[in-house]
Amino acid sequence: HSVFVIHLLEGLFPSSYSLEDDESVEEERRLFYVAATRAKKNLILAAPKNVWNGKMQCVFPGVVFSKPSRFITENKEMANLMEEWEIE
């Protein structure tokens, strides 16, 4: 009855491999829609602010600041429902 979609970040969902082709992005959008509509009671969409990536060079070694997926930000209703949580 619950669906969790994690790492809803640009480059992960939609995948960076699909960003070169509009048709591929639309296929990933359909996958997102299917995931979201399967939830019967709870739908949790997670887009962390920073992600650990040991391969990337950045200001803080291994930490990459992330951008929420277009699948969230393009939908104004969904964007307005976003809650920000701080986990300590």
Protein backbone atom coordinates (compact mmCIF):
# COMPACT_ATOMS: atom_id res chain seq x y z
CA HIS A 1 0.00 0.00 0.00
CA SER A 2 3.03 2.27 0.19
CA VAL A 3 5.49 3.27 -2.52
CA PHE A 4 8.88 4.88 -1.93
CA VAL A 5 10.77 6.47 -4.81
CA ILE A 6 14.25 7.42 -3.62
CA HIS A 7 16.96 9.59 -5.13
CA LEU A 8 14.61 11.64 -7.28
CA LEU A 9 17.51 13.70 -8.56
CA GLU A 10 18.47 15.00 -11.98
CA GLY A 11 20.90 12.54 -13.46
CA LEU A 12 19.50 9.65 -11.44
CA PHE A 13 15.77 9.86 -12.21
CA PRO A 14 15.71 10.63 -15.07
CA SER A 15 19.01 8.88 -15.60
CA SER A 16 21.88 10.85 -17.08
CA TYR A 17 21.94 8.22 -19.87
CA SER A 18 18.45 9.25 -20.98
CA LEU A 19 19.02 13.02 -21.00
CA GLU A 20 20.41 13.03 -24.55
CA ASP A 21 17.16 11.75 -26.03
CA ASP A 22 13.68 13.24 -25.42
CA GLU A 23 12.03 9.87 -26.03
CA SER A 24 14.16 8.26 -23.32
CA VAL A 25 13.26 11.00 -20.84
CA GLU A 26 9.57 10.47 -21.62
CA GLU A 27 9.96 6.72 -21.01
CA GLU A 28 11.44 7.48 -17.59
CA ARG A 29 8.57 9.93 -16.96
CA ARG A 30 6.14 7.06 -17.69
CA LEU A 31 8.05 4.84 -15.23
CA PHE A 32 7.77 7.58 -12.60
CA TYR A 33 4.01 7.87 -13.27
CA VAL A 34 3.57 4.10 -12.87
CA ALA A 35 5.48 4.13 -9.58
CA ALA A 36 3.49 7.09 -8.25
CA THR A 37 0.10 5.71 -9.22
CA ARG A 38 0.75 2.31 -7.61
CA ALA A 39 0.61 3.81 -4.12
CA LYS A 40 -2.70 2.97 -2.48
CA LYS A 41 -2.16 4.83 0.79
CA ASN A 42 1.29 6.44 1.02
CA LEU A 43 3.58 7.88 -1.62
CA ILE A 44 7.00 9.00 -0.42
CA LEU A 45 9.26 10.77 -2.92
CA ALA A 46 12.78 11.43 -1.65
CA ALA A 47 15.23 13.94 -3.13
CA PRO A 48 18.24 14.39 -0.82
CA LYS A 49 20.03 17.75 -0.76
CA ASN A 50 23.48 16.20 -0.98
CA VAL A 51 24.70 12.81 -2.04
CA TRP A 52 27.93 10.96 -1.33
CA ASN A 53 29.93 10.28 -4.47
CA GLY A 54 33.52 9.29 -3.88
CA LYS A 55 34.40 9.65 -7.58
CA MET A 56 33.56 13.34 -8.04
CA GLN A 57 35.89 16.24 -7.26
CA CYS A 58 34.14 19.01 -5.34
CA VAL A 59 34.56 21.51 -2.48
CA PHE A 60 33.80 18.92 0.20
CA PRO A 61 35.42 15.64 -0.92
CA GLY A 62 32.75 13.10 -1.78
CA VAL A 63 29.72 15.36 -1.19
CA VAL A 64 27.78 16.55 -4.20
CA PHE A 65 24.97 19.08 -3.88
CA SER A 66 22.01 17.72 -5.79
CA LYS A 67 19.13 19.14 -7.81
CA PRO A 68 15.61 17.67 -7.47
CA SER A 69 14.31 15.75 -10.48
CA ARG A 70 12.39 17.64 -13.14
CA PHE A 71 9.59 15.14 -12.49
CA ILE A 72 9.02 16.95 -9.18
CA THR A 73 9.87 20.54 -10.10
CA GLU A 74 7.91 20.66 -13.38
CA ASN A 75 4.71 19.72 -11.58
CA LYS A 76 3.66 22.79 -9.55
CA GLU A 77 1.16 20.83 -7.44
CA MET A 78 3.81 18.28 -6.50
CA ALA A 79 6.44 20.97 -5.88
CA ASN A 80 4.03 22.77 -3.53
CA LEU A 81 3.53 19.57 -1.51
CA MET A 82 7.25 19.12 -0.85
CA GLU A 83 8.34 19.07 2.78
CA GLU A 84 11.90 19.70 3.86
CA TRP A 85 13.22 17.37 6.55
CA GLU A 86 16.45 17.67 8.45
CA ILE A 87 17.90 14.35 9.58
CA GLU A 88 20.55 14.60 12.24
